[in-house]
C-alpha atoms as a PDB file:
ATOM      1  CA  UNK A   1       7.852   2.149  -9.471  1.00  0.00           C
ATOM      2  CA  UNK A   2       4.424   1.800  -7.903  1.00  0.00           C
ATOM      3  CA  UNK A   3       2.502   4.624  -6.294  1.00  0.00           C
ATOM      4  CA  UNK A   4      -0.689   4.776  -4.247  1.00  0.00           C
ATOM      5  CA  UNK A   5      -2.664   7.947  -3.514  1.00  0.00           C
ATOM      6  CA  UNK A   6      -5.615   8.050  -1.122  1.00  0.00           C
ATOM      7  CA  UNK A   7      -8.456  10.542  -1.218  1.00  0.00           C
ATOM      8  CA  UNK A   8     -12.013  10.950   0.029  1.00  0.00           C
ATOM      9  CA  UNK A   9     -11.450  11.481   3.725  1.00  0.00           C
ATOM     10  CA  UNK A  10     -13.270  14.137   5.669  1.00  0.00           C
ATOM     11  CA  UNK A  11     -15.261  14.981   8.764  1.00  0.00           C
ATOM     12  CA  UNK A  12     -18.698  13.483   9.377  1.00  0.00           C
ATOM     13  CA  UNK A  13     -21.074  12.935  12.258  1.00  0.00           C
ATOM     14  CA  UNK A  14     -21.912   9.613  13.818  1.00  0.00           C
ATOM     15  CA  UNK A  15     -24.029   7.584  11.423  1.00  0.00           C
ATOM     16  CA  UNK A  16     -22.638   9.263   8.343  1.00  0.00           C
ATOM     17  CA  UNK A  17     -20.829   7.743   5.387  1.00  0.00           C
ATOM     18  CA  UNK A  18     -17.619   8.275   3.457  1.00  0.00           C
ATOM     19  CA  UNK A  19     -16.104   6.583   0.443  1.00  0.00           C
ATOM     20  CA  UNK A  20     -12.335   6.463   0.276  1.00  0.00           C
ATOM     21  CA  UNK A  21     -10.442   6.073  -2.978  1.00  0.00           C
ATOM     22  CA  UNK A  22      -6.943   4.787  -3.624  1.00  0.00           C
ATOM     23  CA  UNK A  23      -5.547   5.381  -7.091  1.00  0.00           C
ATOM     24  CA  UNK A  24      -2.641   3.174  -8.093  1.00  0.00           C
ATOM     25  CA  UNK A  25       0.000   3.575 -10.767  1.00  0.00           C
ATOM     26  CA  UNK A  26       3.084   1.712 -11.859  1.00  0.00           C
ATOM     27  CA  UNK A  27       3.595  -1.997 -12.332  1.00  0.00           C
ATOM     28  CA  UNK A  28       0.891  -3.697 -10.282  1.00  0.00           C
ATOM     29  CA  UNK A  29       0.576  -6.749 -12.496  1.00  0.00           C
ATOM     30  CA  UNK A  30       2.089  -9.067  -9.909  1.00  0.00           C
ATOM     31  CA  UNK A  31       0.393  -7.575  -6.834  1.00  0.00           C
ATOM     32  CA  UNK A  32      -2.043 -10.132  -5.487  1.00  0.00           C
ATOM     33  CA  UNK A  33      -3.331  -8.478  -2.323  1.00  0.00           C
ATOM     34  CA  UNK A  34      -4.403  -4.977  -1.417  1.00  0.00           C
ATOM     35  CA  UNK A  35      -6.098  -3.518   1.595  1.00  0.00           C
ATOM     36  CA  UNK A  36      -7.025  -0.603   3.791  1.00  0.00           C
ATOM     37  CA  UNK A  37      -5.499   0.168   7.170  1.00  0.00           C
ATOM     38  CA  UNK A  38      -6.133   2.870   9.714  1.00  0.00           C
ATOM     39  CA  UNK A  39      -4.242   4.420  12.592  1.00  0.00           C
ATOM     40  CA  UNK A  40      -5.614   6.551  15.384  1.00  0.00           C
ATOM     41  CA  UNK A  41      -3.335   8.886  17.368  1.00  0.00           C
ATOM     42  CA  UNK A  42      -1.350   6.935  19.929  1.00  0.00           C
ATOM     43  CA  UNK A  43      -2.496   3.577  18.578  1.00  0.00           C
ATOM     44  CA  UNK A  44      -1.010   0.903  16.363  1.00  0.00           C
ATOM     45  CA  UNK A  45      -1.940   0.702  12.718  1.00  0.00           C
ATOM     46  CA  UNK A  46      -4.732  -1.832  12.223  1.00  0.00           C
ATOM     47  CA  UNK A  47      -5.975  -3.706   9.204  1.00  0.00           C
ATOM     48  CA  UNK A  48      -9.507  -2.774   8.161  1.00  0.00           C
ATOM     49  CA  UNK A  49     -10.146  -4.767   4.991  1.00  0.00           C
ATOM     50  CA  UNK A  50      -8.351  -6.710   2.261  1.00  0.00           C
ATOM     51  CA  UNK A  51      -9.146  -7.781  -1.270  1.00  0.00           C
ATOM     52  CA  UNK A  52      -7.469 -10.185  -3.658  1.00  0.00           C
ATOM     53  CA  UNK A  53      -6.918  -8.468  -6.980  1.00  0.00           C
ATOM     54  CA  UNK A  54      -7.887 -11.423  -9.162  1.00  0.00           C
ATOM     55  CA  UNK A  55     -10.835 -13.140  -7.484  1.00  0.00           C
ATOM     56  CA  UNK A  56     -11.859 -10.121  -5.393  1.00  0.00           C
ATOM     57  CA  UNK A  57     -12.136 -12.156  -2.236  1.00  0.00           C
ATOM     58  CA  UNK A  58     -12.489  -9.878   0.770  1.00  0.00           C
ATOM     59  CA  UNK A  59     -11.826  -9.889   4.480  1.00  0.00           C
ATOM     60  CA  UNK A  60     -12.843  -7.409   7.164  1.00  0.00           C
ATOM     61  CA  UNK A  61     -11.894  -6.632  10.707  1.00  0.00           C
ATOM     62  CA  UNK A  62     -14.549  -7.230  13.329  1.00  0.00           C
ATOM     63  CA  UNK A  63     -15.009  -3.486  13.652  1.00  0.00           C
ATOM     64  CA  UNK A  64     -15.514  -3.033   9.917  1.00  0.00           C
ATOM     65  CA  UNK A  65     -17.680  -6.053   9.152  1.00  0.00           C
ATOM     66  CA  UNK A  66     -21.213  -5.105   8.221  1.00  0.00           C
ATOM     67  CA  UNK A  67     -20.399  -1.418   7.867  1.00  0.00           C
ATOM     68  CA  UNK A  68     -17.454  -1.180   5.453  1.00  0.00           C
ATOM     69  CA  UNK A  69     -17.083  -2.552   1.937  1.00  0.00           C
ATOM     70  CA  UNK A  70     -13.823  -2.855   0.009  1.00  0.00           C
ATOM     71  CA  UNK A  71     -13.940  -2.960  -3.790  1.00  0.00           C
ATOM     72  CA  UNK A  72     -11.764  -2.295  -6.811  1.00  0.00           C
ATOM     73  CA  UNK A  73     -12.589  -1.185 -10.329  1.00  0.00           C
ATOM     74  CA  UNK A  74     -12.552  -3.556 -13.280  1.00  0.00           C
ATOM     75  CA  UNK A  75      -9.159  -2.290 -14.436  1.00  0.00           C
ATOM     76  CA  UNK A  76      -7.706  -2.829 -10.950  1.00  0.00           C
ATOM     77  CA  UNK A  77      -6.435   0.745 -10.991  1.00  0.00           C
ATOM     78  CA  UNK A  78      -8.575   2.041  -8.154  1.00  0.00           C
ATOM     79  CA  UNK A  79      -9.309   0.688  -4.703  1.00  0.00           C
ATOM     80  CA  UNK A  80     -12.316   1.843  -2.686  1.00  0.00           C
ATOM     81  CA  UNK A  81     -13.511   1.660   0.880  1.00  0.00           C
ATOM     82  CA  UNK A  82     -17.172   2.465   1.403  1.00  0.00           C
ATOM     83  CA  UNK A  83     -17.756   3.294   5.060  1.00  0.00           C
ATOM     84  CA  UNK A  84     -21.297   3.469   6.412  1.00  0.00           C
ATOM     85  CA  UNK A  85     -22.753   3.977   9.881  1.00  0.00           C
ATOM     86  CA  UNK A  86     -19.564   5.623  11.045  1.00  0.00           C
ATOM     87  CA  UNK A  87     -18.806   5.982  14.741  1.00  0.00           C
ATOM     88  CA  UNK A  88     -16.158   8.077  16.536  1.00  0.00           C
ATOM     89  CA  UNK A  89     -13.999   4.972  16.980  1.00  0.00           C
ATOM     90  CA  UNK A  90     -13.508   4.972  13.207  1.00  0.00           C
ATOM     91  CA  UNK A  91     -11.550   8.220  13.441  1.00  0.00           C
ATOM     92  CA  UNK A  92      -7.992   7.979  12.173  1.00  0.00           C
ATOM     93  CA  UNK A  93      -5.664   8.183   9.231  1.00  0.00           C
ATOM     94  CA  UNK A  94      -6.608   5.667   6.549  1.00  0.00           C
ATOM     95  CA  UNK A  95      -3.996   4.131   4.286  1.00  0.00           C
ATOM     96  CA  UNK A  96      -4.181   1.836   1.312  1.00  0.00           C
ATOM     97  CA  UNK A  97      -1.514  -0.796   0.852  1.00  0.00           C
ATOM     98  CA  UNK A  98      -0.325  -3.129  -1.891  1.00  0.00           C
ATOM     99  CA  UNK A  99       1.357  -6.356  -0.890  1.00  0.00           C
ATOM    100  CA  UNK A 100       4.668  -7.489  -2.289  1.00  0.00           C
ATOM    101  CA  UNK A 101       4.708  -9.048  -5.771  1.00  0.00           C
ATOM    102  CA  UNK A 102       3.288 -12.578  -5.780  1.00  0.00           C
ATOM    103  CA  UNK A 103       2.416 -12.454  -2.091  1.00  0.00           C
ATOM    104  CA  UNK A 104      -1.140 -13.592  -1.471  1.00  0.00           C
ATOM    105  CA  UNK A 105      -3.458 -12.244   1.175  1.00  0.00           C
ATOM    106  CA  UNK A 106      -2.873 -14.018   4.459  1.00  0.00           C
ATOM    107  CA  UNK A 107      -0.941 -13.683   7.672  1.00  0.00           C
ATOM    108  CA  UNK A 108       1.552 -10.825   7.513  1.00  0.00           C
ATOM    109  CA  UNK A 109       0.738 -10.095   3.874  1.00  0.00           C
ATOM    110  CA  UNK A 110       1.360  -6.398   4.452  1.00  0.00           C
ATOM    111  CA  UNK A 111       4.970  -6.867   5.567  1.00  0.00           C
ATOM    112  CA  UNK A 112       7.113  -4.711   3.274  1.00  0.00           C
ATOM    113  CA  UNK A 113       3.990  -3.483   1.490  1.00  0.00           C
ATOM    114  CA  UNK A 114       3.796  -0.295  -0.528  1.00  0.00           C
ATOM    115  CA  UNK A 115       1.750   2.409   1.165  1.00  0.00           C
ATOM    116  CA  UNK A 116      -0.024   5.602   0.281  1.00  0.00           C
ATOM    117  CA  UNK A 117       0.291   8.839   2.217  1.00  0.00           C
ATOM    118  CA  UNK A 118      -3.077   8.458   3.907  1.00  0.00           C
ATOM    119  CA  UNK A 119      -6.327  10.382   4.150  1.00  0.00           C
ATOM    120  CA  UNK A 120      -7.835  11.634   7.400  1.00  0.00           C
ATOM    121  CA  UNK A 121     -11.239  10.473   8.611  1.00  0.00           C
ATOM    122  CA  UNK A 122     -12.860  12.200  11.565  1.00  0.00           C
ATOM    123  CA  UNK A 123     -16.190  11.120  13.043  1.00  0.00           C
ATOM    124  CA  UNK A 124     -17.825  13.308  15.657  1.00  0.00           C
ATOM    125  CA  UNK A 125     -20.562  12.301  18.070  1.00  0.00           C
END
């Protein structure tokens, strides 16, 4: 079975940077779309960024665009989220997700996705 494990979260001040890592294991050969999500206390989980595993096409939320960068390593075993110019609104639990086999990035791609346990990001003013 597949497994995803996030790391790299922490506490930083406004304007700081963090780089999150998601290590993947198992049979990911047919997974076409991966991404990062976040959830603040009392709020719905929101999509932050996505990447297609073959062409490495990316998308970003309006909040993330220009500040966050999603990448993966050449072996497609590790997913990253570089976060720069952080603000308190970025605070939350960050999760990586792998879409269902053969499901491309697009509307509702994360339905029934596989998820990691999350890593906490806290940004103070």
